[in-house]
Protein backbone atom coordinates (compact mmCIF):
# COMPACT_ATOMS: atom_id res chain seq x y z
CA MET A 1 -0.03 -0.06 0.01
CA ILE A 2 1.45 3.76 -1.44
CA LEU A 3 1.27 6.12 1.88
CA LYS A 4 0.76 10.01 0.90
CA THR A 5 1.45 13.25 2.67
CA ASP A 6 1.51 16.69 1.03
CA ARG A 7 5.42 16.48 0.06
CA LEU A 8 6.21 12.74 0.12
CA ALA A 9 4.70 8.88 -1.39
CA LEU A 10 5.90 5.86 0.83
CA ARG A 11 5.44 2.88 -1.25
CA PRO A 12 6.51 -0.70 -0.29
CA GLN A 13 10.11 -1.26 -0.83
CA GLN A 14 11.54 -3.11 -4.09
CA GLN A 15 14.56 -4.72 -4.90
CA GLY A 16 15.65 -2.16 -6.77
CA ASP A 17 15.83 0.34 -4.15
CA ALA A 18 19.07 -0.99 -2.77
CA ALA A 19 21.01 1.80 -4.84
CA ALA A 20 19.08 4.35 -3.27
CA LEU A 21 19.31 2.76 0.57
CA PHE A 22 22.94 1.86 -0.18
CA ALA A 23 23.51 6.07 -0.16
CA ILE A 24 22.06 6.29 3.13
CA LEU A 25 23.84 3.22 4.72
CA GLY A 26 26.92 3.97 3.15
CA ASP A 27 27.29 7.44 4.78
CA HIS A 28 29.09 7.22 8.13
CA ARG A 29 27.69 10.14 9.24
CA ALA A 30 24.17 9.40 8.59
CA MET A 31 24.96 5.92 10.45
CA GLN A 32 26.92 7.39 13.52
CA PHE A 33 23.71 6.96 15.62
CA TRP A 34 22.50 3.50 13.78
CA ASN A 35 23.61 0.28 15.88
CA ARG A 36 25.75 -0.61 12.74
CA PRO A 37 28.74 1.04 11.20
CA ALA A 38 28.26 2.45 7.42
CA ILE A 39 28.42 -0.03 5.11
CA ALA A 40 31.06 -0.05 2.21
CA ARG A 41 29.81 -2.10 -0.77
CA LEU A 42 26.37 -2.36 -2.60
CA ALA A 43 25.91 -5.99 -2.48
CA VAL A 44 25.97 -6.01 1.08
CA VAL A 45 22.95 -3.22 1.10
CA GLU A 46 21.22 -5.69 -1.73
CA GLU A 47 21.38 -8.36 0.28
CA LEU A 48 19.74 -6.95 3.18
CA VAL A 49 16.84 -5.62 0.83
CA ARG A 50 16.46 -9.37 -0.11
CA GLU A 51 16.27 -10.62 3.63
CA GLN A 52 13.52 -7.45 4.25
CA GLN A 53 11.70 -8.92 1.29
CA ALA A 54 11.35 -12.11 2.46
CA ALA A 55 10.44 -10.50 6.01
CA MET A 56 7.54 -8.63 4.20
CA ALA A 57 6.27 -11.53 2.71
CA GLN A 58 6.47 -13.81 5.80
CA GLY A 59 4.40 -10.09 7.67
CA LEU A 60 6.82 -10.18 9.88
CA CYS A 61 7.47 -6.56 8.88
CA ARG A 62 6.73 -3.59 6.63
CA TYR A 63 9.13 -1.37 4.92
CA TRP A 64 8.51 1.54 2.69
CA THR A 65 10.70 3.61 0.57
CA VAL A 66 10.03 7.40 0.84
CA MET A 67 10.05 9.20 -2.18
CA ARG A 68 9.91 12.45 -2.92
CA ASP A 69 9.80 14.10 -6.60
CA GLY A 70 9.85 10.49 -7.45
CA GLU A 71 13.52 10.10 -5.75
CA ALA A 72 13.77 7.44 -3.18
CA ILE A 73 15.48 9.47 0.22
CA GLY A 74 14.37 7.40 2.89
CA SER A 75 12.60 4.25 4.27
CA VAL A 76 10.77 4.06 7.38
CA ASP A 77 9.57 0.34 8.60
CA LEU A 78 7.45 -1.49 11.19
CA SER A 79 9.52 -4.69 12.33
CA LEU A 80 8.67 -7.63 14.81
CA ILE A 81 5.05 -6.92 14.35
CA ARG A 82 3.72 -9.18 16.75
CA ASP A 83 0.45 -9.50 19.16
CA GLY A 84 -0.27 -5.91 18.18
CA SER A 85 3.08 -4.23 18.73
CA ALA A 86 5.74 -3.20 16.52
CA GLU A 87 8.87 -1.25 16.12
CA LEU A 88 9.15 1.60 14.47
CA GLY A 89 12.27 2.72 12.53
CA PHE A 90 13.57 5.39 10.13
CA LEU A 91 16.29 6.94 7.91
CA LEU A 92 16.41 10.02 5.44
CA ARG A 93 19.27 11.05 3.15
CA ARG A 94 21.66 14.04 4.65
CA ASP A 95 20.65 16.36 2.36
CA CYS A 96 17.00 15.96 3.68
CA TRP A 97 17.18 16.70 7.13
CA GLY A 98 15.97 19.51 8.91
CA ALA A 99 12.89 20.12 6.67
CA GLY A 100 10.64 18.15 8.58
CA LEU A 101 10.60 15.27 5.99
CA ALA A 102 11.03 12.31 8.60
CA SER A 103 8.07 13.46 11.19
CA GLU A 104 6.01 13.37 7.74
CA ALA A 105 6.92 10.12 6.70
CA VAL A 106 6.77 8.67 10.30
CA GLY A 107 3.34 10.32 11.07
CA VAL A 108 1.76 8.52 7.78
CA VAL A 109 3.30 5.31 8.90
CA VAL A 110 2.01 5.47 12.85
CA ALA A 111 -1.64 6.30 11.49
CA HIS A 112 -1.36 3.27 8.98
CA GLY A 113 -0.18 0.72 11.74
CA PHE A 114 -2.56 1.99 14.11
CA GLY A 115 -5.57 2.08 11.18
CA ALA A 116 -4.95 -0.28 8.92
CA LEU A 117 -2.86 -2.46 10.49
CA GLY A 118 -4.57 -2.79 13.56
CA LEU A 119 -1.69 -2.20 15.95
CA THR A 120 -2.04 -0.84 19.22
CA ARG A 121 1.31 -0.13 20.69
CA LEU A 122 4.45 0.91 18.63
CA ALA A 123 8.18 1.11 20.01
CA ALA A 124 11.19 2.83 18.70
CA ALA A 125 14.91 3.38 20.39
CA VAL A 126 17.28 5.75 19.40
CA GLN A 127 20.83 6.78 20.92
CA THR A 128 20.38 9.50 23.67
CA GLU A 129 23.00 11.44 21.35
CA ASN A 130 20.35 11.75 18.30
CA ARG A 131 18.17 14.49 19.43
CA ALA A 132 16.79 14.82 16.07
CA ALA A 133 15.75 11.29 16.17
CA ALA A 134 14.35 11.86 19.03
CA ARG A 135 12.49 14.93 18.10
CA VAL A 136 10.76 13.32 15.53
CA LEU A 137 9.45 10.31 17.39
CA GLU A 138 7.98 13.09 20.25
CA LYS A 139 6.45 15.07 17.78
CA ASN A 140 4.50 12.22 16.38
CA GLY A 141 3.01 11.06 19.90
CA PHE A 142 6.04 8.79 21.22
CA ALA A 143 6.55 9.00 24.97
CA LEU A 144 10.24 8.50 26.51
CA VAL A 145 9.77 4.88 28.05
CA GLU A 146 13.53 4.43 29.68
CA GLN A 147 17.23 5.46 29.09
CA ALA A 148 19.80 2.46 29.62
CA ARG A 149 23.36 1.86 28.44
CA ARG A 150 23.35 -1.10 25.90
CA PRO A 151 25.38 -2.99 23.20
CA ILE A 152 25.28 -2.32 20.13
CA ALA A 153 25.99 -4.57 17.02
CA SER A 154 29.78 -3.63 17.01
CA GLY A 155 29.91 -4.52 20.97
CA ASP A 156 30.56 -0.47 21.89
CA LEU A 157 28.21 0.49 24.46
CA ARG A 158 25.90 3.16 24.18
CA ASP A 159 22.97 5.67 25.88
CA CYS A 160 20.01 4.73 24.33
CA ALA A 161 16.13 6.16 24.64
CA PHE A 162 13.36 4.19 24.35
CA TYR A 163 10.00 5.20 23.16
CA ALA A 164 6.66 3.79 23.06
CA ARG A 165 3.32 4.77 22.11
CA ARG A 166 -0.09 3.19 22.47
CA ARG A 167 -3.14 3.95 19.69
């Protein structure tokens, strides 16, 4: 299902989106607050997208590619969908930061999750240093539930903030 806002269209992720996602996932600055380092090879992102496509086919998650003026600029997802709950994730290309696009994209996915998908709870986690991402969540009605130091994929410990929103 394609989700629309005034400035964006979010369409279900396709395998062909790998190159556009690589522009973000391969950007060290864009990835500084993620739980994994920047990805160095397009082939790795292509495999990641294949895995995400398989998970979508099983109903475990939903991935949308964020489009602006016909160009892929990011991704929003609902993952670990089960028992009326899901985890929200989002990322945008750096040149699209600061224009309210992430808040807009997240807002339409939250509405879809609580509406058509029938979810009752959404959760999200951000590193506490990533105030911009925390603000996107807060603008969309998420409340801080907990702050804790957690290991990320590299094994490093990071201060993380955990947010939730109920329908």
